[in-house]
Amino acid sequence: MNEPEKTPVRPEVYPKGQKPMRLRNEAAKESFLRRMRRQRLKYITILPSLVTIINGACGFAAISFASSAGASMSGQFSYHRLTLPYFALSGYMILMAMVADMLDGRLARMSQSTSSFGGQLDSLCDIISFGVAPAFLMLKILENKIAMLEINPVLLSFLERFFWLAAAVYISCAAIRLARFNVENEEDESAHMSFVGLPTPAAAGVIVSLVIFHQETVPDILTHPGRDWSTGGIINFLLDDLLLYIIPFLTIGLSVLMVSRIRYPHVINQYIRGKKPFAHLIRAIVFFGLIIWQRQFAFILIFCGFAASGFLRWFYYSIRRKNQPIVEPDAVSDIDL
């Protein structure tokens, strides 16, 4: 019995330069895996990374302490002989984060182990410690203040939304400031003589210094023996009420300075590192003396003075450039003759 003839199977023909979809997908997958294996992080520097993580942990602790202030009846944190207002303790946590932020980059450069990983980790921790934490601290202390006032519900709702808006603007500008720094940053130490825009630690320091002064120094002033200004009076209004209500407007101003192009000096590289004039030593001694004598006032002087210095310098040179006479070319030629 004759078997039926089988039609020959023609091999699939693809246009020149093309491959079957299955083969193209497999090739793309293998290429992607090769790139991932090349980009996989294998080694990191432990000590600088650990200090950077301490920075972020201090920022998280600041948020935690600020949120505990409203839940606590006394508003005071007590541990053995240490007693501090929760808001002030939150501010001190942010200051500790600043110390860690200052040390991690220094350690990485001293050990010659700067890396892209360290820079990205530093920015992520900075947005927690100097972006979210100060904004949350400002928001909570103002909410705690207006909760004790008997005001119109409409005005109360307006104030809460305004405080929230100021905090959101600050966080957004801090994130933009850090992202811009990552893009424009150069690893060469000689290029780090100044910052473009107010650094996020300095902006956080302005808010923190005012909060610490309000929580620790103002109550002592208002309840001074023989001078009880705690109820009514212009002194109570200026120190207790007006100081707090200025903070949200100041926060918005700091946000603008962070994303501006105003230059601020790198304090360590310009005034401390290397050989400097003798006057720099005298200034450092004065600042350390102020911190030891009255740290709350010294923090305000240092941080607010630094934030205002860049703006005032920019404003002065802008006015000076506008007031300079424009010399005509003919006048220049006459002078040369």
C-alpha atoms as a PDB file:
ATOM      1  CA  MET A   1       0.000   0.000   0.000  1.00  0.00           C
ATOM      2  CA  ASN A   2       1.456   3.302  -1.062  1.00  0.00           C
ATOM      3  CA  GLU A   3       1.984   5.919   1.667  1.00  0.00           C
ATOM      4  CA  PRO A   4       0.720   9.459   0.959  1.00  0.00           C
ATOM      5  CA  GLU A   5       3.359  11.891  -0.044  1.00  0.00           C
ATOM      6  CA  LYS A   6       4.503  14.269   2.718  1.00  0.00           C
ATOM      7  CA  THR A   7       4.770  17.893   1.868  1.00  0.00           C
ATOM      8  CA  PRO A   8       8.245  19.174   2.667  1.00  0.00           C
ATOM      9  CA  VAL A   9       8.455  21.584   5.614  1.00  0.00           C
ATOM     10  CA  ARG A  10       9.866  24.852   4.428  1.00  0.00           C
ATOM     11  CA  PRO A  11      12.209  26.567   6.844  1.00  0.00           C
ATOM     12  CA  GLU A  12      10.970  29.887   8.159  1.00  0.00           C
ATOM     13  CA  VAL A  13      12.533  32.770   6.359  1.00  0.00           C
ATOM     14  CA  TYR A  14      12.904  36.113   8.176  1.00  0.00           C
ATOM     15  CA  PRO A  15      13.821  39.425   6.647  1.00  0.00           C
ATOM     16  CA  LYS A  16      17.471  40.269   6.690  1.00  0.00           C
ATOM     17  CA  GLY A  17      18.672  41.535  10.083  1.00  0.00           C
ATOM     18  CA  GLN A  18      15.637  40.263  12.018  1.00  0.00           C
ATOM     19  CA  LYS A  19      15.384  37.357  14.439  1.00  0.00           C
ATOM     20  CA  PRO A  20      12.389  35.437  15.746  1.00  0.00           C
ATOM     21  CA  MET A  21      10.548  37.208  18.595  1.00  0.00           C
ATOM     22  CA  ARG A  22      11.499  34.453  21.051  1.00  0.00           C
ATOM     23  CA  LEU A  23      15.191  34.758  20.212  1.00  0.00           C
ATOM     24  CA  ARG A  24      15.072  38.549  20.431  1.00  0.00           C
ATOM     25  CA  ASN A  25      13.443  38.375  23.878  1.00  0.00           C
ATOM     26  CA  GLU A  26      16.046  35.914  25.142  1.00  0.00           C
ATOM     27  CA  ALA A  27      18.905  38.031  23.820  1.00  0.00           C
ATOM     28  CA  ALA A  28      17.465  41.133  25.483  1.00  0.00           C
ATOM     29  CA  LYS A  29      17.051  39.226  28.735  1.00  0.00           C
ATOM     30  CA  GLU A  30      20.651  38.003  28.681  1.00  0.00           C
ATOM     31  CA  SER A  31      21.904  41.510  27.878  1.00  0.00           C
ATOM     32  CA  PHE A  32      19.880  42.940  30.781  1.00  0.00           C
ATOM     33  CA  LEU A  33      21.240  40.324  33.200  1.00  0.00           C
ATOM     34  CA  ARG A  34      24.807  41.040  32.082  1.00  0.00           C
ATOM     35  CA  ARG A  35      24.313  44.754  32.739  1.00  0.00           C
ATOM     36  CA  MET A  36      22.808  44.037  36.166  1.00  0.00           C
ATOM     37  CA  ARG A  37      25.750  41.800  37.078  1.00  0.00           C
ATOM     38  CA  ARG A  38      28.157  44.538  36.098  1.00  0.00           C
ATOM     39  CA  GLN A  39      26.245  47.208  38.081  1.00  0.00           C
ATOM     40  CA  ARG A  40      25.654  45.074  41.171  1.00  0.00           C
ATOM     41  CA  LEU A  41      27.230  46.660  44.240  1.00  0.00           C
ATOM     42  CA  LYS A  42      29.694  44.293  45.872  1.00  0.00           C
ATOM     43  CA  TYR A  43      31.792  46.389  48.253  1.00  0.00           C
ATOM     44  CA  ILE A  44      31.090  49.509  50.304  1.00  0.00           C
ATOM     45  CA  THR A  45      33.039  51.466  52.902  1.00  0.00           C
ATOM     46  CA  ILE A  46      31.663  50.533  56.304  1.00  0.00           C
ATOM     47  CA  LEU A  47      32.601  53.443  58.586  1.00  0.00           C
ATOM     48  CA  PRO A  48      31.402  56.389  56.433  1.00  0.00           C
ATOM     49  CA  SER A  49      28.212  54.481  55.548  1.00  0.00           C
ATOM     50  CA  LEU A  50      27.565  53.713  59.208  1.00  0.00           C
ATOM     51  CA  VAL A  51      27.951  57.384  60.165  1.00  0.00           C
ATOM     52  CA  THR A  52      25.575  58.345  57.345  1.00  0.00           C
ATOM     53  CA  ILE A  53      22.982  55.872  58.636  1.00  0.00           C
ATOM     54  CA  ILE A  54      23.356  57.423  62.104  1.00  0.00           C
ATOM     55  CA  ASN A  55      22.438  60.702  60.436  1.00  0.00           C
ATOM     56  CA  GLY A  56      19.187  59.218  59.124  1.00  0.00           C
ATOM     57  CA  ALA A  57      18.472  57.480  62.445  1.00  0.00           C
ATOM     58  CA  CYS A  58      18.805  60.792  64.303  1.00  0.00           C
ATOM     59  CA  GLY A  59      16.346  62.351  61.866  1.00  0.00           C
ATOM     60  CA  PHE A  60      13.869  59.543  62.495  1.00  0.00           C
ATOM     61  CA  ALA A  61      14.340  59.960  66.264  1.00  0.00           C
ATOM     62  CA  ALA A  62      13.592  63.683  65.880  1.00  0.00           C
ATOM     63  CA  ILE A  63      10.312  62.870  64.136  1.00  0.00           C
ATOM     64  CA  SER A  64       9.440  60.341  66.843  1.00  0.00           C
ATOM     65  CA  PHE A  65      10.139  62.769  69.701  1.00  0.00           C
ATOM     66  CA  ALA A  66       8.162  65.552  68.014  1.00  0.00           C
ATOM     67  CA  SER A  67       5.148  63.283  67.622  1.00  0.00           C
ATOM     68  CA  SER A  68       5.425  62.207  71.275  1.00  0.00           C
ATOM     69  CA  ALA A  69       5.057  65.808  72.493  1.00  0.00           C
ATOM     70  CA  GLY A  70       1.344  65.875  71.725  1.00  0.00           C
ATOM     71  CA  ALA A  71       0.688  62.468  73.264  1.00  0.00           C
ATOM     72  CA  SER A  72       2.513  63.253  76.509  1.00  0.00           C
ATOM     73  CA  MET A  73       0.597  65.055  79.250  1.00  0.00           C
ATOM     74  CA  SER A  74       3.639  66.948  80.554  1.00  0.00           C
ATOM     75  CA  GLY A  75       5.392  67.426  77.216  1.00  0.00           C
ATOM     76  CA  GLN A  76       8.691  66.566  78.959  1.00  0.00           C
ATOM     77  CA  PHE A  77      11.129  63.764  78.256  1.00  0.00           C
ATOM     78  CA  SER A  78      12.750  62.325  81.375  1.00  0.00           C
ATOM     79  CA  TYR A  79      15.623  59.874  81.563  1.00  0.00           C
ATOM     80  CA  HIS A  80      17.455  59.599  84.883  1.00  0.00           C
ATOM     81  CA  ARG A  81      18.505  63.210  85.605  1.00  0.00           C
ATOM     82  CA  LEU A  82      17.892  64.449  82.074  1.00  0.00           C
ATOM     83  CA  THR A  83      14.637  66.370  81.587  1.00  0.00           C
ATOM     84  CA  LEU A  84      13.937  68.150  78.316  1.00  0.00           C
ATOM     85  CA  PRO A  85      10.837  69.237  76.388  1.00  0.00           C
ATOM     86  CA  TYR A  86      10.094  66.775  73.603  1.00  0.00           C
ATOM     87  CA  PHE A  87      10.270  69.529  70.976  1.00  0.00           C
ATOM     88  CA  ALA A  88      13.682  70.664  72.218  1.00  0.00           C
ATOM     89  CA  LEU A  89      14.911  67.059  72.280  1.00  0.00           C
ATOM     90  CA  SER A  90      13.718  66.655  68.700  1.00  0.00           C
ATOM     91  CA  GLY A  91      15.781  69.707  67.776  1.00  0.00           C
ATOM     92  CA  TYR A  92      18.872  68.300  69.450  1.00  0.00           C
ATOM     93  CA  MET A  93      18.446  65.074  67.447  1.00  0.00           C
ATOM     94  CA  ILE A  94      18.579  67.128  64.251  1.00  0.00           C
ATOM     95  CA  LEU A  95      21.738  68.841  65.502  1.00  0.00           C
ATOM     96  CA  MET A  96      23.289  65.414  66.132  1.00  0.00           C
ATOM     97  CA  ALA A  97      22.356  64.469  62.575  1.00  0.00           C
ATOM     98  CA  MET A  98      24.289  67.547  61.404  1.00  0.00           C
ATOM     99  CA  VAL A  99      27.396  66.336  63.220  1.00  0.00           C
ATOM    100  CA  ALA A 100      27.073  62.918  61.571  1.00  0.00           C
ATOM    101  CA  ASP A 101      26.516  64.549  58.171  1.00  0.00           C
ATOM    102  CA  MET A 102      29.669  66.583  58.634  1.00  0.00           C
ATOM    103  CA  LEU A 103      31.739  63.548  59.616  1.00  0.00           C
ATOM    104  CA  ASP A 104      30.692  60.995  56.990  1.00  0.00           C
ATOM    105  CA  GLY A 105      31.991  62.905  53.980  1.00  0.00           C
ATOM    106  CA  ARG A 106      35.161  63.826  55.838  1.00  0.00           C
ATOM    107  CA  LEU A 107      35.804  60.175  56.725  1.00  0.00           C
ATOM    108  CA  ALA A 108      35.180  59.059  53.148  1.00  0.00           C
ATOM    109  CA  ARG A 109      37.636  61.622  51.744  1.00  0.00           C
ATOM    110  CA  MET A 110      40.270  60.856  54.380  1.00  0.00           C
ATOM    111  CA  SER A 111      40.116  57.152  53.535  1.00  0.00           C
ATOM    112  CA  GLN A 112      39.931  57.944  49.786  1.00  0.00           C
ATOM    113  CA  SER A 113      36.768  55.877  49.493  1.00  0.00           C
ATOM    114  CA  THR A 114      34.237  58.333  48.081  1.00  0.00           C
ATOM    115  CA  SER A 115      31.663  56.609  45.890  1.00  0.00           C
ATOM    116  CA  SER A 116      28.343  57.191  44.175  1.00  0.00           C
ATOM    117  CA  PHE A 117      26.714  54.871  46.709  1.00  0.00           C
ATOM    118  CA  GLY A 118      27.888  57.056  49.592  1.00  0.00           C
ATOM    119  CA  GLY A 119      26.601  60.197  47.894  1.00  0.00           C
ATOM    120  CA  GLN A 120      23.169  58.705  47.235  1.00  0.00           C
ATOM    121  CA  LEU A 121      22.894  57.305  50.760  1.00  0.00           C
ATOM    122  CA  ASP A 122      23.901  60.664  52.200  1.00  0.00           C
ATOM    123  CA  SER A 123      21.182  62.494  50.249  1.00  0.00           C
ATOM    124  CA  LEU A 124      18.511  59.971  51.303  1.00  0.00           C
ATOM    125  CA  CYS A 125      19.432  60.419  54.958  1.00  0.00           C
ATOM    126  CA  ASP A 126      19.642  64.204  54.539  1.00  0.00           C
ATOM    127  CA  ILE A 127      16.078  64.456  53.253  1.00  0.00           C
ATOM    128  CA  ILE A 128      14.936  62.665  56.405  1.00  0.00           C
ATOM    129  CA  SER A 129      17.029  64.637  58.893  1.00  0.00           C
ATOM    130  CA  PHE A 130      17.039  68.086  57.266  1.00  0.00           C
ATOM    131  CA  GLY A 131      13.886  67.940  55.166  1.00  0.00           C
ATOM    132  CA  VAL A 132      11.131  65.892  56.776  1.00  0.00           C
ATOM    133  CA  ALA A 133      12.196  66.208  60.429  1.00  0.00           C
ATOM    134  CA  PRO A 134      12.403  70.053  60.638  1.00  0.00           C
ATOM    135  CA  ALA A 135       9.161  70.452  58.690  1.00  0.00           C
ATOM    136  CA  PHE A 136       7.381  67.950  60.930  1.00  0.00           C
ATOM    137  CA  LEU A 137       8.801  69.615  64.044  1.00  0.00           C
ATOM    138  CA  MET A 138       7.580  73.019  62.880  1.00  0.00           C
ATOM    139  CA  LEU A 139       4.146  71.597  62.055  1.00  0.00           C
ATOM    140  CA  LYS A 140       3.697  69.809  65.377  1.00  0.00           C
ATOM    141  CA  ILE A 141       4.804  72.690  67.602  1.00  0.00           C
ATOM    142  CA  LEU A 142       2.440  75.091  65.808  1.00  0.00           C
ATOM    143  CA  GLU A 143      -0.450  72.624  65.963  1.00  0.00           C
ATOM    144  CA  ASN A 144       0.227  72.177  69.663  1.00  0.00           C
ATOM    145  CA  LYS A 145       0.200  75.966  70.111  1.00  0.00           C
ATOM    146  CA  ILE A 146      -3.060  76.702  68.299  1.00  0.00           C
ATOM    147  CA  ALA A 147      -4.768  73.738  69.997  1.00  0.00           C
ATOM    148  CA  MET A 148      -4.510  75.656  73.286  1.00  0.00           C
ATOM    149  CA  LEU A 149      -6.121  78.783  71.821  1.00  0.00           C
ATOM    150  CA  GLU A 150      -9.823  79.479  71.610  1.00  0.00           C
ATOM    151  CA  ILE A 151     -10.192  80.827  68.088  1.00  0.00           C
ATOM    152  CA  ASN A 152     -12.765  80.723  65.331  1.00  0.00           C
ATOM    153  CA  PRO A 153     -13.020  77.271  63.656  1.00  0.00           C
ATOM    154  CA  VAL A 154     -12.706  78.870  60.206  1.00  0.00           C
ATOM    155  CA  LEU A 155      -9.515  80.670  61.225  1.00  0.00           C
ATOM    156  CA  LEU A 156      -8.245  77.481  62.866  1.00  0.00           C
ATOM    157  CA  SER A 157      -8.774  75.509  59.651  1.00  0.00           C
ATOM    158  CA  PHE A 158      -7.023  78.227  57.638  1.00  0.00           C
ATOM    159  CA  LEU A 159      -4.010  78.248  59.974  1.00  0.00           C
ATOM    160  CA  GLU A 160      -3.679  74.454  59.915  1.00  0.00           C
ATOM    161  CA  ARG A 161      -3.718  74.416  56.111  1.00  0.00           C
ATOM    162  CA  PHE A 162      -1.184  77.250  55.957  1.00  0.00           C
ATOM    163  CA  PHE A 163       1.159  75.462  58.372  1.00  0.00           C
ATOM    164  CA  TRP A 164       0.836  72.265  56.357  1.00  0.00           C
ATOM    165  CA  LEU A 165       1.538  74.165  53.124  1.00  0.00           C
ATOM    166  CA  ALA A 166       4.686  75.745  54.598  1.00  0.00           C
ATOM    167  CA  ALA A 167       5.931  72.305  55.688  1.00  0.00           C
ATOM    168  CA  ALA A 168       5.187  70.782  52.266  1.00  0.00           C
ATOM    169  CA  VAL A 169       6.988  73.611  50.446  1.00  0.00           C
ATOM    170  CA  TYR A 170      10.018  73.173  52.695  1.00  0.00           C
ATOM    171  CA  ILE A 171      10.227  69.403  52.103  1.00  0.00           C
ATOM    172  CA  SER A 172       9.822  69.838  48.340  1.00  0.00           C
ATOM    173  CA  CYS A 173      12.538  72.492  48.101  1.00  0.00           C
ATOM    174  CA  ALA A 174      14.882  70.437  50.296  1.00  0.00           C
ATOM    175  CA  ALA A 175      14.435  67.451  47.951  1.00  0.00           C
ATOM    176  CA  ILE A 176      15.076  69.656  44.892  1.00  0.00           C
ATOM    177  CA  ARG A 177      18.144  71.157  46.565  1.00  0.00           C
ATOM    178  CA  LEU A 178      19.621  67.720  47.298  1.00  0.00           C
ATOM    179  CA  ALA A 179      18.844  66.359  43.817  1.00  0.00           C
ATOM    180  CA  ARG A 180      20.477  69.387  42.201  1.00  0.00           C
ATOM    181  CA  PHE A 181      23.530  68.975  44.422  1.00  0.00           C
ATOM    182  CA  ASN A 182      23.897  65.331  43.362  1.00  0.00           C
ATOM    183  CA  VAL A 183      23.806  66.293  39.683  1.00  0.00           C
ATOM    184  CA  GLU A 184      26.185  69.270  39.952  1.00  0.00           C
ATOM    185  CA  ASN A 185      28.513  67.877  42.626  1.00  0.00           C
ATOM    186  CA  GLU A 186      32.191  67.314  41.884  1.00  0.00           C
ATOM    187  CA  GLU A 187      34.266  64.845  43.867  1.00  0.00           C
ATOM    188  CA  ASP A 188      37.300  67.129  43.816  1.00  0.00           C
ATOM    189  CA  GLU A 189      37.743  68.643  47.299  1.00  0.00           C
ATOM    190  CA  SER A 190      39.033  71.932  45.846  1.00  0.00           C
ATOM    191  CA  ALA A 191      35.633  72.460  44.184  1.00  0.00           C
ATOM    192  CA  HIS A 192      33.831  72.375  47.560  1.00  0.00           C
ATOM    193  CA  MET A 193      34.638  75.920  48.651  1.00  0.00           C
ATOM    194  CA  SER A 194      31.053  77.152  48.413  1.00  0.00           C
ATOM    195  CA  PHE A 195      27.484  75.942  48.020  1.00  0.00           C
ATOM    196  CA  VAL A 196      24.950  77.043  45.423  1.00  0.00           C
ATOM    197  CA  GLY A 197      21.866  77.762  47.488  1.00  0.00           C
ATOM    198  CA  LEU A 198      21.413  77.495  51.238  1.00  0.00           C
ATOM    199  CA  PRO A 199      22.525  74.005  52.393  1.00  0.00           C
ATOM    200  CA  THR A 200      19.744  71.886  53.877  1.00  0.00           C
ATOM    201  CA  PRO A 201      21.522  71.437  57.265  1.00  0.00           C
ATOM    202  CA  ALA A 202      21.768  75.211  57.645  1.00  0.00           C
ATOM    203  CA  ALA A 203      18.085  75.673  56.765  1.00  0.00           C
ATOM    204  CA  ALA A 204      17.131  73.011  59.301  1.00  0.00           C
ATOM    205  CA  GLY A 205      19.411  74.682  61.850  1.00  0.00           C
ATOM    206  CA  VAL A 206      17.472  77.953  61.612  1.00  0.00           C
ATOM    207  CA  ILE A 207      14.178  76.211  62.445  1.00  0.00           C
ATOM    208  CA  VAL A 208      15.737  74.056  65.144  1.00  0.00           C
ATOM    209  CA  SER A 209      17.522  76.951  66.854  1.00  0.00           C
ATOM    210  CA  LEU A 210      14.283  78.937  67.161  1.00  0.00           C
ATOM    211  CA  VAL A 211      12.397  75.911  68.503  1.00  0.00           C
ATOM    212  CA  ILE A 212      15.078  75.135  71.107  1.00  0.00           C
ATOM    213  CA  PHE A 213      15.191  78.786  72.179  1.00  0.00           C
ATOM    214  CA  HIS A 214      11.390  78.860  72.507  1.00  0.00           C
ATOM    215  CA  GLN A 215      11.236  75.617  74.488  1.00  0.00           C
ATOM    216  CA  GLU A 216      14.178  76.120  76.857  1.00  0.00           C
ATOM    217  CA  THR A 217      15.012  79.814  77.202  1.00  0.00           C
ATOM    218  CA  VAL A 218      11.663  81.569  76.788  1.00  0.00           C
ATOM    219  CA  PRO A 219       9.991  79.806  79.787  1.00  0.00           C
ATOM    220  CA  ASP A 220      12.929  80.810  82.005  1.00  0.00           C
ATOM    221  CA  ILE A 221      12.641  84.433  80.865  1.00  0.00           C
ATOM    222  CA  LEU A 222       8.883  84.609  81.330  1.00  0.00           C
ATOM    223  CA  THR A 223       8.927  83.013  84.796  1.00  0.00           C
ATOM    224  CA  HIS A 224      11.991  84.833  86.136  1.00  0.00           C
ATOM    225  CA  PRO A 225      11.693  85.499  89.887  1.00  0.00           C
ATOM    226  CA  GLY A 226      10.284  88.977  90.438  1.00  0.00           C
ATOM    227  CA  ARG A 227       9.444  89.364  86.726  1.00  0.00           C
ATOM    228  CA  ASP A 228       6.506  87.117  85.959  1.00  0.00           C
ATOM    229  CA  TRP A 229       5.617  87.889  82.335  1.00  0.00           C
ATOM    230  CA  SER A 230       3.943  84.534  81.709  1.00  0.00           C
ATOM    231  CA  THR A 231       0.442  86.026  81.521  1.00  0.00           C
ATOM    232  CA  GLY A 232      -0.228  88.929  79.186  1.00  0.00           C
ATOM    233  CA  GLY A 233       2.088  91.780  78.350  1.00  0.00           C
ATOM    234  CA  ILE A 234       4.177  92.698  75.348  1.00  0.00           C
ATOM    235  CA  ILE A 235       7.125  90.522  76.431  1.00  0.00           C
ATOM    236  CA  ASN A 236       4.958  87.399  76.561  1.00  0.00           C
ATOM    237  CA  PHE A 237       3.513  88.197  73.125  1.00  0.00           C
ATOM    238  CA  LEU A 238       6.917  88.785  71.535  1.00  0.00           C
ATOM    239  CA  LEU A 239       8.716  85.771  72.995  1.00  0.00           C
ATOM    240  CA  ASP A 240       5.973  83.180  73.233  1.00  0.00           C
ATOM    241  CA  ASP A 241       3.474  83.951  70.476  1.00  0.00           C
ATOM    242  CA  LEU A 242       5.138  86.040  67.790  1.00  0.00           C
ATOM    243  CA  LEU A 243       8.295  83.914  67.782  1.00  0.00           C
ATOM    244  CA  LEU A 244       6.274  80.819  66.883  1.00  0.00           C
ATOM    245  CA  TYR A 245       4.069  82.518  64.310  1.00  0.00           C
ATOM    246  CA  ILE A 246       7.122  83.830  62.460  1.00  0.00           C
ATOM    247  CA  ILE A 247       8.455  80.296  61.897  1.00  0.00           C
ATOM    248  CA  PRO A 248       6.116  79.264  59.003  1.00  0.00           C
ATOM    249  CA  PHE A 249       6.930  82.451  57.063  1.00  0.00           C
ATOM    250  CA  LEU A 250      10.604  81.927  57.805  1.00  0.00           C
ATOM    251  CA  THR A 251      10.273  78.328  56.614  1.00  0.00           C
ATOM    252  CA  ILE A 252       8.975  79.475  53.233  1.00  0.00           C
ATOM    253  CA  GLY A 253      11.828  81.975  52.990  1.00  0.00           C
ATOM    254  CA  LEU A 254      14.354  79.238  53.760  1.00  0.00           C
ATOM    255  CA  SER A 255      12.776  77.091  51.058  1.00  0.00           C
ATOM    256  CA  VAL A 256      13.375  79.814  48.469  1.00  0.00           C
ATOM    257  CA  LEU A 257      16.979  80.240  49.607  1.00  0.00           C
ATOM    258  CA  MET A 258      17.638  76.492  49.274  1.00  0.00           C
ATOM    259  CA  VAL A 259      16.655  76.376  45.589  1.00  0.00           C
ATOM    260  CA  SER A 260      18.189  79.765  44.770  1.00  0.00           C
ATOM    261  CA  ARG A 261      21.551  80.353  43.094  1.00  0.00           C
ATOM    262  CA  ILE A 262      22.892  82.424  45.986  1.00  0.00           C
ATOM    263  CA  ARG A 263      26.342  81.223  47.024  1.00  0.00           C
ATOM    264  CA  TYR A 264      27.102  80.265  50.619  1.00  0.00           C
ATOM    265  CA  PRO A 265      30.615  79.538  51.886  1.00  0.00           C
ATOM    266  CA  HIS A 266      31.733  76.077  52.925  1.00  0.00           C
ATOM    267  CA  VAL A 267      32.623  76.949  56.525  1.00  0.00           C
ATOM    268  CA  ILE A 268      35.092  74.107  57.155  1.00  0.00           C
ATOM    269  CA  ASN A 269      36.956  74.398  53.850  1.00  0.00           C
ATOM    270  CA  GLN A 270      37.089  78.207  53.833  1.00  0.00           C
ATOM    271  CA  TYR A 271      37.604  79.087  57.499  1.00  0.00           C
ATOM    272  CA  ILE A 272      38.927  76.016  59.349  1.00  0.00           C
ATOM    273  CA  ARG A 273      40.743  73.600  57.028  1.00  0.00           C
ATOM    274  CA  GLY A 274      44.411  74.339  56.340  1.00  0.00           C
ATOM    275  CA  LYS A 275      46.359  77.439  57.344  1.00  0.00           C
ATOM    276  CA  LYS A 276      44.155  80.441  58.012  1.00  0.00           C
ATOM    277  CA  PRO A 277      44.635  83.976  59.402  1.00  0.00           C
ATOM    278  CA  PHE A 278      44.867  84.364  63.153  1.00  0.00           C
ATOM    279  CA  ALA A 279      41.503  86.178  63.234  1.00  0.00           C
ATOM    280  CA  HIS A 280      39.734  82.954  62.250  1.00  0.00           C
ATOM    281  CA  LEU A 281      40.975  81.317  65.459  1.00  0.00           C
ATOM    282  CA  ILE A 282      39.618  84.213  67.529  1.00  0.00           C
ATOM    283  CA  ARG A 283      36.210  83.901  65.865  1.00  0.00           C
ATOM    284  CA  ALA A 284      36.117  80.155  66.504  1.00  0.00           C
ATOM    285  CA  ILE A 285      36.956  80.687  70.173  1.00  0.00           C
ATOM    286  CA  VAL A 286      34.190  83.302  70.469  1.00  0.00           C
ATOM    287  CA  PHE A 287      31.635  80.959  68.925  1.00  0.00           C
ATOM    288  CA  PHE A 288      32.644  78.065  71.161  1.00  0.00           C
ATOM    289  CA  GLY A 289      32.472  80.357  74.169  1.00  0.00           C
ATOM    290  CA  LEU A 290      28.942  81.426  73.221  1.00  0.00           C
ATOM    291  CA  ILE A 291      27.855  77.809  72.850  1.00  0.00           C
ATOM    292  CA  ILE A 292      29.216  76.932  76.289  1.00  0.00           C
ATOM    293  CA  TRP A 293      27.787  80.055  77.938  1.00  0.00           C
ATOM    294  CA  GLN A 294      24.351  80.175  76.272  1.00  0.00           C
ATOM    295  CA  ARG A 295      23.929  77.486  73.642  1.00  0.00           C
ATOM    296  CA  GLN A 296      20.332  78.393  72.776  1.00  0.00           C
ATOM    297  CA  PHE A 297      21.256  81.973  71.875  1.00  0.00           C
ATOM    298  CA  ALA A 298      24.448  80.813  70.141  1.00  0.00           C
ATOM    299  CA  PHE A 299      22.502  78.443  67.862  1.00  0.00           C
ATOM    300  CA  ILE A 300      20.246  81.314  66.744  1.00  0.00           C
ATOM    301  CA  LEU A 301      23.225  83.588  66.142  1.00  0.00           C
ATOM    302  CA  ILE A 302      25.161  80.977  64.157  1.00  0.00           C
ATOM    303  CA  PHE A 303      22.409  79.519  61.964  1.00  0.00           C
ATOM    304  CA  CYS A 304      20.329  82.655  61.395  1.00  0.00           C
ATOM    305  CA  GLY A 305      23.488  84.685  60.805  1.00  0.00           C
ATOM    306  CA  PHE A 306      24.770  82.170  58.246  1.00  0.00           C
ATOM    307  CA  ALA A 307      21.435  82.013  56.398  1.00  0.00           C
ATOM    308  CA  ALA A 308      21.155  85.813  56.308  1.00  0.00           C
ATOM    309  CA  SER A 309      24.788  86.387  55.309  1.00  0.00           C
ATOM    310  CA  GLY A 310      24.479  84.873  51.847  1.00  0.00           C
ATOM    311  CA  PHE A 311      21.273  86.732  51.060  1.00  0.00           C
ATOM    312  CA  LEU A 312      22.609  90.060  52.334  1.00  0.00           C
ATOM    313  CA  ARG A 313      25.836  89.630  50.371  1.00  0.00           C
ATOM    314  CA  TRP A 314      23.862  88.836  47.200  1.00  0.00           C
ATOM    315  CA  PHE A 315      21.535  91.806  47.784  1.00  0.00           C
ATOM    316  CA  TYR A 316      24.439  94.186  48.408  1.00  0.00           C
ATOM    317  CA  TYR A 317      26.313  93.229  45.232  1.00  0.00           C
ATOM    318  CA  SER A 318      23.106  93.331  43.185  1.00  0.00           C
ATOM    319  CA  ILE A 319      22.430  96.909  44.281  1.00  0.00           C
ATOM    320  CA  ARG A 320      26.060  97.821  43.758  1.00  0.00           C
ATOM    321  CA  ARG A 321      26.062  96.510  40.189  1.00  0.00           C
ATOM    322  CA  LYS A 322      22.898  98.447  39.376  1.00  0.00           C
ATOM    323  CA  ASN A 323      24.348 101.694  40.748  1.00  0.00           C
ATOM    324  CA  GLN A 324      27.617 101.450  38.851  1.00  0.00           C
ATOM    325  CA  PRO A 325      27.725 103.980  35.982  1.00  0.00           C
ATOM    326  CA  ILE A 326      27.839 102.564  32.492  1.00  0.00           C
ATOM    327  CA  VAL A 327      30.911 103.925  30.718  1.00  0.00           C
ATOM    328  CA  GLU A 328      30.317 104.762  27.067  1.00  0.00           C
ATOM    329  CA  PRO A 329      32.888 103.559  24.501  1.00  0.00           C
ATOM    330  CA  ASP A 330      33.593 107.157  23.368  1.00  0.00           C
ATOM    331  CA  ALA A 331      34.335 108.180  26.934  1.00  0.00           C
ATOM    332  CA  VAL A 332      36.772 105.296  27.278  1.00  0.00           C
ATOM    333  CA  SER A 333      38.619 106.324  24.131  1.00  0.00           C
ATOM    334  CA  ASP A 334      38.842 109.923  25.332  1.00  0.00           C
ATOM    335  CA  ILE A 335      40.338 108.788  28.611  1.00  0.00           C
ATOM    336  CA  ASP A 336      42.878 106.626  26.832  1.00  0.00           C
ATOM    337  CA  LEU A 337      43.929 109.544  24.685  1.00  0.00           C
END
